[in-house]
PDB file of N, CA and C in Angstrom:
ATOM      1  N   SER A   1      -6.877  32.801  -8.205  1.00  0.00           N
ATOM      2  CA  SER A   1      -8.406  32.059  -8.908  1.00  0.00           C
ATOM      3  C   SER A   1      -9.425  31.413  -8.060  1.00  0.00           C
ATOM      4  N   LEU A   2     -10.391  31.308  -7.643  1.00  0.00           N
ATOM      5  CA  LEU A   2     -11.014  30.374  -6.728  1.00  0.00           C
ATOM      6  C   LEU A   2     -10.738  29.119  -7.015  1.00  0.00           C
ATOM      7  N   ALA A   3     -11.086  28.819  -8.630  1.00  0.00           N
ATOM      8  CA  ALA A   3     -11.247  27.664  -8.782  1.00  0.00           C
ATOM      9  C   ALA A   3      -9.426  27.035  -9.087  1.00  0.00           C
ATOM     10  N   LEU A   4      -8.854  27.533  -8.904  1.00  0.00           N
ATOM     11  CA  LEU A   4      -7.155  27.522  -8.615  1.00  0.00           C
ATOM     12  C   LEU A   4      -7.155  26.404  -7.705  1.00  0.00           C
ATOM     13  N   SER A   5      -7.468  27.572  -6.402  1.00  0.00           N
ATOM     14  CA  SER A   5      -7.368  27.112  -4.599  1.00  0.00           C
ATOM     15  C   SER A   5      -7.961  25.784  -4.850  1.00  0.00           C
ATOM     16  N   HIS A   6      -9.418  25.771  -5.149  1.00  0.00           N
ATOM     17  CA  HIS A   6      -9.983  23.882  -5.177  1.00  0.00           C
ATOM     18  C   HIS A   6      -9.041  23.229  -6.071  1.00  0.00           C
ATOM     19  N   ALA A   7      -8.550  23.761  -7.102  1.00  0.00           N
ATOM     20  CA  ALA A   7      -8.186  22.338  -7.919  1.00  0.00           C
ATOM     21  C   ALA A   7      -6.958  22.023  -6.970  1.00  0.00           C
ATOM     22  N   GLU A   8      -6.014  22.976  -6.356  1.00  0.00           N
ATOM     23  CA  GLU A   8      -5.007  22.209  -5.074  1.00  0.00           C
ATOM     24  C   GLU A   8      -5.323  21.562  -4.444  1.00  0.00           C
ATOM     25  N   GLU A   9      -6.160  21.711  -3.623  1.00  0.00           N
ATOM     26  CA  GLU A   9      -6.616  20.918  -2.750  1.00  0.00           C
ATOM     27  C   GLU A   9      -7.314  19.427  -2.994  1.00  0.00           C
ATOM     28  N   ALA A  10      -7.289  19.241  -4.113  1.00  0.00           N
ATOM     29  CA  ALA A  10      -7.832  17.804  -4.634  1.00  0.00           C
ATOM     30  C   ALA A  10      -6.551  16.949  -5.052  1.00  0.00           C
ATOM     31  N   ALA A  11      -6.706  16.063  -3.889  1.00  0.00           N
ATOM     32  CA  ALA A  11      -5.568  15.093  -3.890  1.00  0.00           C
ATOM     33  C   ALA A  11      -5.516  14.033  -4.866  1.00  0.00           C
ATOM     34  N   VAL A  12      -4.695  13.796  -5.591  1.00  0.00           N
ATOM     35  CA  VAL A  12      -4.384  12.666  -6.550  1.00  0.00           C
ATOM     36  C   VAL A  12      -3.211  11.702  -6.395  1.00  0.00           C
ATOM     37  N   VAL A  13      -3.340  10.770  -6.547  1.00  0.00           N
ATOM     38  CA  VAL A  13      -2.384   9.545  -6.311  1.00  0.00           C
ATOM     39  C   VAL A  13      -1.079  10.042  -7.866  1.00  0.00           C
ATOM     40  N   VAL A  14      -0.496  10.242  -7.078  1.00  0.00           N
ATOM     41  CA  VAL A  14       1.211  10.567  -7.904  1.00  0.00           C
ATOM     42  C   VAL A  14       1.903   9.459  -8.895  1.00  0.00           C
ATOM     43  N   CYS A  15       2.232   8.628  -7.545  1.00  0.00           N
ATOM     44  CA  CYS A  15       2.494   6.784  -8.515  1.00  0.00           C
ATOM     45  C   CYS A  15       1.482   5.871  -7.444  1.00  0.00           C
ATOM     46  N   GLY A  16       1.149   4.718  -7.799  1.00  0.00           N
ATOM     47  CA  GLY A  16       0.299   3.600  -7.127  1.00  0.00           C
ATOM     48  C   GLY A  16       0.663   2.909  -6.609  1.00  0.00           C
ATOM     49  N   LEU A  17      -0.178   1.726  -6.489  1.00  0.00           N
ATOM     50  CA  LEU A  17       1.086   0.751  -5.793  1.00  0.00           C
ATOM     51  C   LEU A  17       1.182  -0.208  -7.204  1.00  0.00           C
ATOM     52  N   ARG A  18       2.094  -1.216  -6.784  1.00  0.00           N
ATOM     53  CA  ARG A  18       2.631  -2.347  -8.091  1.00  0.00           C
ATOM     54  C   ARG A  18       2.436  -3.681  -7.687  1.00  0.00           C
ATOM     55  N   ASN A  19       2.157  -4.347  -8.594  1.00  0.00           N
ATOM     56  CA  ASN A  19       2.106  -5.672  -8.439  1.00  0.00           C
ATOM     57  C   ASN A  19       3.384  -6.089  -7.835  1.00  0.00           C
ATOM     58  N   THR A  20       3.922  -7.367  -6.766  1.00  0.00           N
ATOM     59  CA  THR A  20       4.951  -7.747  -6.051  1.00  0.00           C
ATOM     60  C   THR A  20       4.727  -8.888  -5.906  1.00  0.00           C
ATOM     61  N   ASP A  21       5.877  -9.874  -6.123  1.00  0.00           N
ATOM     62  CA  ASP A  21       5.816 -11.182  -5.978  1.00  0.00           C
ATOM     63  C   ASP A  21       7.142 -11.697  -5.279  1.00  0.00           C
ATOM     64  N   VAL A  22       6.638 -12.212  -3.848  1.00  0.00           N
ATOM     65  CA  VAL A  22       7.868 -12.472  -3.002  1.00  0.00           C
ATOM     66  C   VAL A  22       7.777 -13.810  -2.673  1.00  0.00           C
ATOM     67  N   PHE A  23       9.010 -14.408  -2.299  1.00  0.00           N
ATOM     68  CA  PHE A  23       8.929 -15.308  -1.722  1.00  0.00           C
ATOM     69  C   PHE A  23       8.709 -15.772  -0.252  1.00  0.00           C
ATOM     70  N   VAL A  24       7.800 -16.816   0.062  1.00  0.00           N
ATOM     71  CA  VAL A  24       7.273 -16.852   1.688  1.00  0.00           C
ATOM     72  C   VAL A  24       8.708 -16.972   2.395  1.00  0.00           C
ATOM     73  N   GLY A  25       8.131 -16.333   3.658  1.00  0.00           N
ATOM     74  CA  GLY A  25       9.126 -15.571   4.651  1.00  0.00           C
ATOM     75  C   GLY A  25       9.863 -14.261   4.237  1.00  0.00           C
ATOM     76  N   GLU A  26       9.660 -13.472   3.093  1.00  0.00           N
ATOM     77  CA  GLU A  26      10.306 -12.854   2.360  1.00  0.00           C
ATOM     78  C   GLU A  26       9.399 -11.729   2.730  1.00  0.00           C
ATOM     79  N   SER A  27       9.861 -10.322   2.764  1.00  0.00           N
ATOM     80  CA  SER A  27       9.161  -9.138   2.943  1.00  0.00           C
ATOM     81  C   SER A  27       8.733  -8.606   1.817  1.00  0.00           C
ATOM     82  N   ALA A  28       7.091  -7.825   1.952  1.00  0.00           N
ATOM     83  CA  ALA A  28       6.500  -7.013   0.256  1.00  0.00           C
ATOM     84  C   ALA A  28       6.299  -5.882   0.854  1.00  0.00           C
ATOM     85  N   THR A  29       7.018  -5.030   0.107  1.00  0.00           N
ATOM     86  CA  THR A  29       6.649  -3.483   0.313  1.00  0.00           C
ATOM     87  C   THR A  29       5.736  -2.595  -0.995  1.00  0.00           C
ATOM     88  N   PHE A  30       4.711  -2.001  -0.126  1.00  0.00           N
ATOM     89  CA  PHE A  30       3.758  -1.376  -1.665  1.00  0.00           C
ATOM     90  C   PHE A  30       3.704   0.080  -1.172  1.00  0.00           C
ATOM     91  N   THR A  31       3.863   1.004  -2.119  1.00  0.00           N
ATOM     92  CA  THR A  31       4.478   2.347  -1.885  1.00  0.00           C
ATOM     93  C   THR A  31       3.399   3.057  -2.700  1.00  0.00           C
ATOM     94  N   CYS A  32       2.287   4.125  -2.372  1.00  0.00           N
ATOM     95  CA  CYS A  32       1.545   4.439  -2.505  1.00  0.00           C
ATOM     96  C   CYS A  32       2.219   6.520  -2.568  1.00  0.00           C
ATOM     97  N   GLU A  33       2.401   7.381  -3.502  1.00  0.00           N
ATOM     98  CA  GLU A  33       2.963   8.677  -3.660  1.00  0.00           C
ATOM     99  C   GLU A  33       1.356   9.509  -3.606  1.00  0.00           C
ATOM    100  N   LEU A  34       1.150  10.485  -2.971  1.00  0.00           N
ATOM    101  CA  LEU A  34       0.088  11.463  -2.877  1.00  0.00           C
ATOM    102  C   LEU A  34       0.562  12.946  -3.363  1.00  0.00           C
ATOM    103  N   SER A  35      -0.242  13.548  -4.068  1.00  0.00           N
ATOM    104  CA  SER A  35      -0.169  15.074  -3.864  1.00  0.00           C
ATOM    105  C   SER A  35      -1.425  16.001  -3.813  1.00  0.00           C
ATOM    106  N   PRO A  36      -1.602  16.607  -2.997  1.00  0.00           N
ATOM    107  CA  PRO A  36      -0.743  17.426  -2.279  1.00  0.00           C
ATOM    108  C   PRO A  36      -0.535  16.269  -1.214  1.00  0.00           C
ATOM    109  N   PRO A  37       0.901  16.850  -0.110  1.00  0.00           N
ATOM    110  CA  PRO A  37       0.780  16.127   0.938  1.00  0.00           C
ATOM    111  C   PRO A  37      -0.180  16.431   2.245  1.00  0.00           C
ATOM    112  N   GLY A  38      -0.089  15.548   3.068  1.00  0.00           N
ATOM    113  CA  GLY A  38      -0.971  16.116   4.126  1.00  0.00           C
ATOM    114  C   GLY A  38      -2.208  15.487   3.917  1.00  0.00           C
ATOM    115  N   VAL A  39      -2.673  14.314   3.269  1.00  0.00           N
ATOM    116  CA  VAL A  39      -3.670  13.617   3.350  1.00  0.00           C
ATOM    117  C   VAL A  39      -4.119  12.614   4.379  1.00  0.00           C
ATOM    118  N   LYS A  40      -4.725  13.067   4.735  1.00  0.00           N
ATOM    119  CA  LYS A  40      -5.127  11.696   6.318  1.00  0.00           C
ATOM    120  C   LYS A  40      -5.800  10.916   6.000  1.00  0.00           C
ATOM    121  N   ASN A  41      -6.712  10.177   7.454  1.00  0.00           N
ATOM    122  CA  ASN A  41      -7.430   9.048   7.088  1.00  0.00           C
ATOM    123  C   ASN A  41      -6.953   7.738   5.987  1.00  0.00           C
ATOM    124  N   VAL A  42      -5.773   7.299   6.292  1.00  0.00           N
ATOM    125  CA  VAL A  42      -5.253   6.813   5.211  1.00  0.00           C
ATOM    126  C   VAL A  42      -5.441   4.560   5.700  1.00  0.00           C
ATOM    127  N   GLN A  43      -5.487   4.502   4.739  1.00  0.00           N
ATOM    128  CA  GLN A  43      -6.248   2.993   5.113  1.00  0.00           C
ATOM    129  C   GLN A  43      -5.285   2.066   4.148  1.00  0.00           C
ATOM    130  N   TRP A  44      -5.172   0.501   4.527  1.00  0.00           N
ATOM    131  CA  TRP A  44      -4.526  -0.094   4.094  1.00  0.00           C
ATOM    132  C   TRP A  44      -5.251  -1.138   4.233  1.00  0.00           C
ATOM    133  N   TRP A  45      -5.564  -1.846   2.828  1.00  0.00           N
ATOM    134  CA  TRP A  45      -6.142  -3.301   2.830  1.00  0.00           C
ATOM    135  C   TRP A  45      -5.601  -4.473   2.306  1.00  0.00           C
ATOM    136  N   LEU A  46      -5.731  -5.670   2.498  1.00  0.00           N
ATOM    137  CA  LEU A  46      -5.484  -6.809   1.945  1.00  0.00           C
ATOM    138  C   LEU A  46      -6.476  -7.628   1.731  1.00  0.00           C
ATOM    139  N   ASP A  47      -7.297  -7.924   0.811  1.00  0.00           N
ATOM    140  CA  ASP A  47      -8.311  -8.721   0.227  1.00  0.00           C
ATOM    141  C   ASP A  47      -9.152  -7.717   1.244  1.00  0.00           C
ATOM    142  N   GLY A  48     -10.376  -8.195   1.863  1.00  0.00           N
ATOM    143  CA  GLY A  48     -11.305  -7.972   2.696  1.00  0.00           C
ATOM    144  C   GLY A  48     -10.710  -7.428   4.097  1.00  0.00           C
ATOM    145  N   THR A  49      -9.708  -7.385   4.648  1.00  0.00           N
ATOM    146  CA  THR A  49      -9.037  -6.970   5.985  1.00  0.00           C
ATOM    147  C   THR A  49      -8.303  -6.124   6.236  1.00  0.00           C
ATOM    148  N   LEU A  50      -8.888  -4.749   6.742  1.00  0.00           N
ATOM    149  CA  LEU A  50      -8.081  -3.642   7.569  1.00  0.00           C
ATOM    150  C   LEU A  50      -7.145  -3.820   7.896  1.00  0.00           C
ATOM    151  N   LEU A  51      -5.388  -3.543   7.250  1.00  0.00           N
ATOM    152  CA  LEU A  51      -4.660  -3.519   8.265  1.00  0.00           C
ATOM    153  C   LEU A  51      -4.277  -2.586   9.449  1.00  0.00           C
ATOM    154  N   HIS A  52      -3.432  -2.805  10.084  1.00  0.00           N
ATOM    155  CA  HIS A  52      -2.605  -2.179  11.398  1.00  0.00           C
ATOM    156  C   HIS A  52      -1.283  -2.317  11.588  1.00  0.00           C
ATOM    157  N   ASN A  53      -0.959  -1.383  11.894  1.00  0.00           N
ATOM    158  CA  ASN A  53       0.502  -0.862  12.352  1.00  0.00           C
ATOM    159  C   ASN A  53       0.905  -2.208  13.429  1.00  0.00           C
ATOM    160  N   ASN A  54       1.888  -2.794  12.684  1.00  0.00           N
ATOM    161  CA  ASN A  54       2.407  -4.391  14.027  1.00  0.00           C
ATOM    162  C   ASN A  54       3.670  -4.470  13.654  1.00  0.00           C
ATOM    163  N   LEU A  55       4.125  -5.374  14.466  1.00  0.00           N
ATOM    164  CA  LEU A  55       5.414  -6.285  13.922  1.00  0.00           C
ATOM    165  C   LEU A  55       5.346  -7.155  12.595  1.00  0.00           C
ATOM    166  N   VAL A  56       4.143  -7.455  12.259  1.00  0.00           N
ATOM    167  CA  VAL A  56       4.397  -8.023  11.001  1.00  0.00           C
ATOM    168  C   VAL A  56       3.822  -6.959   9.619  1.00  0.00           C
ATOM    169  N   THR A  57       3.122  -6.420  10.395  1.00  0.00           N
ATOM    170  CA  THR A  57       2.708  -5.166   9.215  1.00  0.00           C
ATOM    171  C   THR A  57       3.415  -3.658   9.346  1.00  0.00           C
ATOM    172  N   GLU A  58       4.219  -3.246   8.952  1.00  0.00           N
ATOM    173  CA  GLU A  58       4.109  -1.864   8.901  1.00  0.00           C
ATOM    174  C   GLU A  58       3.947  -1.025   8.287  1.00  0.00           C
ATOM    175  N   ILE A  59       3.044  -0.113   8.695  1.00  0.00           N
ATOM    176  CA  ILE A  59       2.578   0.808   7.971  1.00  0.00           C
ATOM    177  C   ILE A  59       3.526   2.307   8.498  1.00  0.00           C
ATOM    178  N   SER A  60       3.866   3.072   7.509  1.00  0.00           N
ATOM    179  CA  SER A  60       4.532   4.383   7.300  1.00  0.00           C
ATOM    180  C   SER A  60       4.348   5.384   6.440  1.00  0.00           C
ATOM    181  N   GLU A  61       4.966   6.670   6.616  1.00  0.00           N
ATOM    182  CA  GLU A  61       4.251   7.877   6.093  1.00  0.00           C
ATOM    183  C   GLU A  61       5.855   8.383   5.987  1.00  0.00           C
ATOM    184  N   GLN A  62       5.958   9.473   4.842  1.00  0.00           N
ATOM    185  CA  GLN A  62       7.250   9.554   4.592  1.00  0.00           C
ATOM    186  C   GLN A  62       6.704  10.887   3.908  1.00  0.00           C
ATOM    187  N   ASP A  63       7.265  12.180   4.454  1.00  0.00           N
ATOM    188  CA  ASP A  63       6.757  13.954   4.148  1.00  0.00           C
ATOM    189  C   ASP A  63       5.264  14.614   3.804  1.00  0.00           C
ATOM    190  N   GLY A  64       4.554  13.455   4.411  1.00  0.00           N
ATOM    191  CA  GLY A  64       3.408  13.278   4.145  1.00  0.00           C
ATOM    192  C   GLY A  64       2.749  12.683   3.180  1.00  0.00           C
ATOM    193  N   ARG A  65       3.600  12.549   2.115  1.00  0.00           N
ATOM    194  CA  ARG A  65       2.793  11.927   0.667  1.00  0.00           C
ATOM    195  C   ARG A  65       3.305  10.546   0.677  1.00  0.00           C
ATOM    196  N   ILE A  66       4.374  10.318   0.528  1.00  0.00           N
ATOM    197  CA  ILE A  66       4.955   8.856   0.507  1.00  0.00           C
ATOM    198  C   ILE A  66       4.194   7.893   1.550  1.00  0.00           C
ATOM    199  N   HIS A  67       3.130   7.266   1.131  1.00  0.00           N
ATOM    200  CA  HIS A  67       2.547   5.798   2.110  1.00  0.00           C
ATOM    201  C   HIS A  67       2.774   4.682   1.805  1.00  0.00           C
ATOM    202  N   THR A  68       3.350   4.030   2.797  1.00  0.00           N
ATOM    203  CA  THR A  68       4.244   2.719   2.633  1.00  0.00           C
ATOM    204  C   THR A  68       3.997   1.413   3.519  1.00  0.00           C
ATOM    205  N   LEU A  69       3.494   0.065   2.657  1.00  0.00           N
ATOM    206  CA  LEU A  69       3.218  -0.563   3.715  1.00  0.00           C
ATOM    207  C   LEU A  69       4.092  -1.844   3.179  1.00  0.00           C
ATOM    208  N   THR A  70       4.846  -2.712   4.948  1.00  0.00           N
ATOM    209  CA  THR A  70       5.778  -3.898   4.380  1.00  0.00           C
ATOM    210  C   THR A  70       4.997  -4.706   5.346  1.00  0.00           C
ATOM    211  N   LEU A  71       4.656  -5.577   4.626  1.00  0.00           N
ATOM    212  CA  LEU A  71       4.581  -6.974   4.867  1.00  0.00           C
ATOM    213  C   LEU A  71       5.725  -8.001   5.150  1.00  0.00           C
ATOM    214  N   ASN A  72       5.991  -8.244   6.410  1.00  0.00           N
ATOM    215  CA  ASN A  72       7.072  -9.184   7.171  1.00  0.00           C
ATOM    216  C   ASN A  72       6.887 -10.571   7.045  1.00  0.00           C
ATOM    217  N   ASP A  73       7.671 -11.611   6.526  1.00  0.00           N
ATOM    218  CA  ASP A  73       7.504 -12.973   6.647  1.00  0.00           C
ATOM    219  C   ASP A  73       5.926 -12.886   6.575  1.00  0.00           C
ATOM    220  N   VAL A  74       6.060 -13.033   5.070  1.00  0.00           N
ATOM    221  CA  VAL A  74       4.481 -13.239   4.318  1.00  0.00           C
ATOM    222  C   VAL A  74       4.279 -14.958   4.273  1.00  0.00           C
ATOM    223  N   ALA A  75       3.426 -15.257   4.261  1.00  0.00           N
ATOM    224  CA  ALA A  75       3.091 -16.818   3.878  1.00  0.00           C
ATOM    225  C   ALA A  75       2.210 -16.924   2.680  1.00  0.00           C
ATOM    226  N   CYS A  76       1.720 -17.847   2.411  1.00  0.00           N
ATOM    227  CA  CYS A  76       1.195 -18.114   0.918  1.00  0.00           C
ATOM    228  C   CYS A  76      -0.119 -17.692   0.932  1.00  0.00           C
ATOM    229  N   HIS A  77      -1.055 -17.892   2.247  1.00  0.00           N
ATOM    230  CA  HIS A  77      -2.002 -17.387   2.033  1.00  0.00           C
ATOM    231  C   HIS A  77      -2.245 -15.765   2.506  1.00  0.00           C
ATOM    232  N   ASP A  78      -0.972 -15.036   2.449  1.00  0.00           N
ATOM    233  CA  ASP A  78      -1.330 -13.358   2.228  1.00  0.00           C
ATOM    234  C   ASP A  78      -1.397 -13.387   0.651  1.00  0.00           C
ATOM    235  N   SER A  79      -1.100 -14.179  -0.325  1.00  0.00           N
ATOM    236  CA  SER A  79      -1.264 -13.531  -1.296  1.00  0.00           C
ATOM    237  C   SER A  79      -2.693 -12.743  -1.650  1.00  0.00           C
ATOM    238  N   GLY A  80      -2.749 -11.968  -2.145  1.00  0.00           N
ATOM    239  CA  GLY A  80      -4.074 -11.598  -2.719  1.00  0.00           C
ATOM    240  C   GLY A  80      -4.253  -9.926  -3.000  1.00  0.00           C
ATOM    241  N   THR A  81      -5.358  -9.097  -3.078  1.00  0.00           N
ATOM    242  CA  THR A  81      -4.874  -7.855  -3.613  1.00  0.00           C
ATOM    243  C   THR A  81      -4.746  -6.662  -2.193  1.00  0.00           C
ATOM    244  N   VAL A  82      -3.742  -6.130  -2.452  1.00  0.00           N
ATOM    245  CA  VAL A  82      -3.447  -4.847  -1.140  1.00  0.00           C
ATOM    246  C   VAL A  82      -4.356  -3.645  -2.081  1.00  0.00           C
ATOM    247  N   THR A  83      -4.875  -3.302  -1.019  1.00  0.00           N
ATOM    248  CA  THR A  83      -5.546  -1.514  -1.524  1.00  0.00           C
ATOM    249  C   THR A  83      -5.090  -0.840  -0.172  1.00  0.00           C
ATOM    250  N   PHE A  84      -4.974   0.843  -1.069  1.00  0.00           N
ATOM    251  CA  PHE A  84      -4.544   2.027  -0.480  1.00  0.00           C
ATOM    252  C   PHE A  84      -5.644   2.843  -0.391  1.00  0.00           C
ATOM    253  N   ARG A  85      -5.904   3.067   0.357  1.00  0.00           N
ATOM    254  CA  ARG A  85      -7.663   3.832   0.592  1.00  0.00           C
ATOM    255  C   ARG A  85      -7.114   5.284   1.035  1.00  0.00           C
ATOM    256  N   ALA A  86      -7.539   6.363   0.267  1.00  0.00           N
ATOM    257  CA  ALA A  86      -7.778   8.030   1.260  1.00  0.00           C
ATOM    258  C   ALA A  86      -8.368   8.656   0.687  1.00  0.00           C
ATOM    259  N   GLY A  87      -9.777   8.172   1.472  1.00  0.00           N
ATOM    260  CA  GLY A  87     -10.642   9.116   0.965  1.00  0.00           C
ATOM    261  C   GLY A  87     -11.508   8.840  -0.326  1.00  0.00           C
ATOM    262  N   SER A  88     -11.798   9.074  -1.149  1.00  0.00           N
ATOM    263  CA  SER A  88     -12.151   8.797  -2.910  1.00  0.00           C
ATOM    264  C   SER A  88     -11.140   7.931  -3.005  1.00  0.00           C
ATOM    265  N   LEU A  89      -9.519   8.090  -2.953  1.00  0.00           N
ATOM    266  CA  LEU A  89      -8.528   7.899  -3.812  1.00  0.00           C
ATOM    267  C   LEU A  89      -8.379   6.277  -3.688  1.00  0.00           C
ATOM    268  N   ILE A  90      -8.105   5.716  -4.568  1.00  0.00           N
ATOM    269  CA  ILE A  90      -8.221   4.299  -4.481  1.00  0.00           C
ATOM    270  C   ILE A  90      -6.475   3.774  -5.245  1.00  0.00           C
ATOM    271  N   SER A  91      -6.113   2.884  -4.580  1.00  0.00           N
ATOM    272  CA  SER A  91      -5.038   2.275  -5.477  1.00  0.00           C
ATOM    273  C   SER A  91      -4.690   0.806  -5.359  1.00  0.00           C
ATOM    274  N   SER A  92      -4.642  -0.388  -5.943  1.00  0.00           N
ATOM    275  CA  SER A  92      -4.610  -1.733  -5.606  1.00  0.00           C
ATOM    276  C   SER A  92      -3.597  -2.285  -6.124  1.00  0.00           C
ATOM    277  N   ALA A  93      -3.083  -3.018  -5.838  1.00  0.00           N
ATOM    278  CA  ALA A  93      -2.098  -4.257  -6.490  1.00  0.00           C
ATOM    279  C   ALA A  93      -1.817  -5.543  -6.359  1.00  0.00           C
ATOM    280  N   LYS A  94      -1.617  -6.408  -6.740  1.00  0.00           N
ATOM    281  CA  LYS A  94      -1.584  -7.954  -6.371  1.00  0.00           C
ATOM    282  C   LYS A  94      -0.584  -8.192  -5.447  1.00  0.00           C
ATOM    283  N   LEU A  95      -0.450  -9.028  -4.772  1.00  0.00           N
ATOM    284  CA  LEU A  95       0.382  -9.485  -4.245  1.00  0.00           C
ATOM    285  C   LEU A  95       0.552 -11.164  -4.012  1.00  0.00           C
ATOM    286  N   LEU A  96       1.921 -11.606  -4.530  1.00  0.00           N
ATOM    287  CA  LEU A  96       1.865 -13.061  -4.865  1.00  0.00           C
ATOM    288  C   LEU A  96       3.184 -13.568  -4.104  1.00  0.00           C
ATOM    289  N   VAL A  97       2.564 -14.732  -3.407  1.00  0.00           N
ATOM    290  CA  VAL A  97       3.570 -14.935  -2.172  1.00  0.00           C
ATOM    291  C   VAL A  97       4.332 -16.435  -3.115  1.00  0.00           C
ATOM    292  N   LYS A  98       5.293 -16.668  -3.245  1.00  0.00           N
ATOM    293  CA  LYS A  98       5.538 -18.079  -4.356  1.00  0.00           C
ATOM    294  C   LYS A  98       6.175 -18.833  -2.860  1.00  0.00           C
ATOM    295  N   GLY A  99       5.624 -20.011  -3.262  1.00  0.00           N
ATOM    296  CA  GLY A  99       6.348 -21.318  -2.419  1.00  0.00           C
ATOM    297  C   GLY A  99       7.928 -21.652  -2.748  1.00  0.00           C
ATOM    298  N   ILE A 100       8.898 -22.115  -1.643  1.00  0.00           N
ATOM    299  CA  ILE A 100       9.813 -22.401  -2.145  1.00  0.00           C
ATOM    300  C   ILE A 100      10.161 -24.221  -2.915  1.00  0.00           C
ATOM    301  N   SER A 101      10.480 -23.898  -3.889  1.00  0.00           N
ATOM    302  CA  SER A 101      10.508 -25.467  -3.651  1.00  0.00           C
ATOM    303  C   SER A 101      11.622 -26.105  -3.613  1.00  0.00           C
ATOM    304  N   LEU A 102      11.697 -27.209  -2.752  1.00  0.00           N
ATOM    305  CA  LEU A 102      12.876 -27.294  -2.379  1.00  0.00           C
ATOM    306  C   LEU A 102      13.591 -28.738  -3.053  1.00  0.00           C
ATOM    307  N   PRO A 103      14.519 -29.006  -3.242  1.00  0.00           N
ATOM    308  CA  PRO A 103      15.228 -29.756  -4.034  1.00  0.00           C
ATOM    309  C   PRO A 103      14.797 -31.027  -4.156  1.00  0.00           C
ATOM    310  N   ALA A 104      14.761 -31.911  -4.682  1.00  0.00           N
ATOM    311  CA  ALA A 104      14.386 -33.744  -4.440  1.00  0.00           C
ATOM    312  C   ALA A 104      15.110 -34.244  -4.283  1.00  0.00           C
TER     313      ALA A 104
END
């Protein structure tokens, strides 16, 4: 039926981002799974900043449905809210970067 085909086109978040705690200098990975595959115009944000694929910020996609953001060598000031956006779909999670307490 016509109604069914429209329902199939509506993308949904199957598995959203999860809050992540890492230590300074480590990598933090966020994953969002969408259905159906092939959703375009995907954006990753850290607080108010749009992220771009580079050495420090790795943005990847698998099977057109699993979108992954990896932040390498994080610093304390990277703590904040990571947001995944694809059209009207939004998923957010907190990134907490913990300092390493040196022995006294």
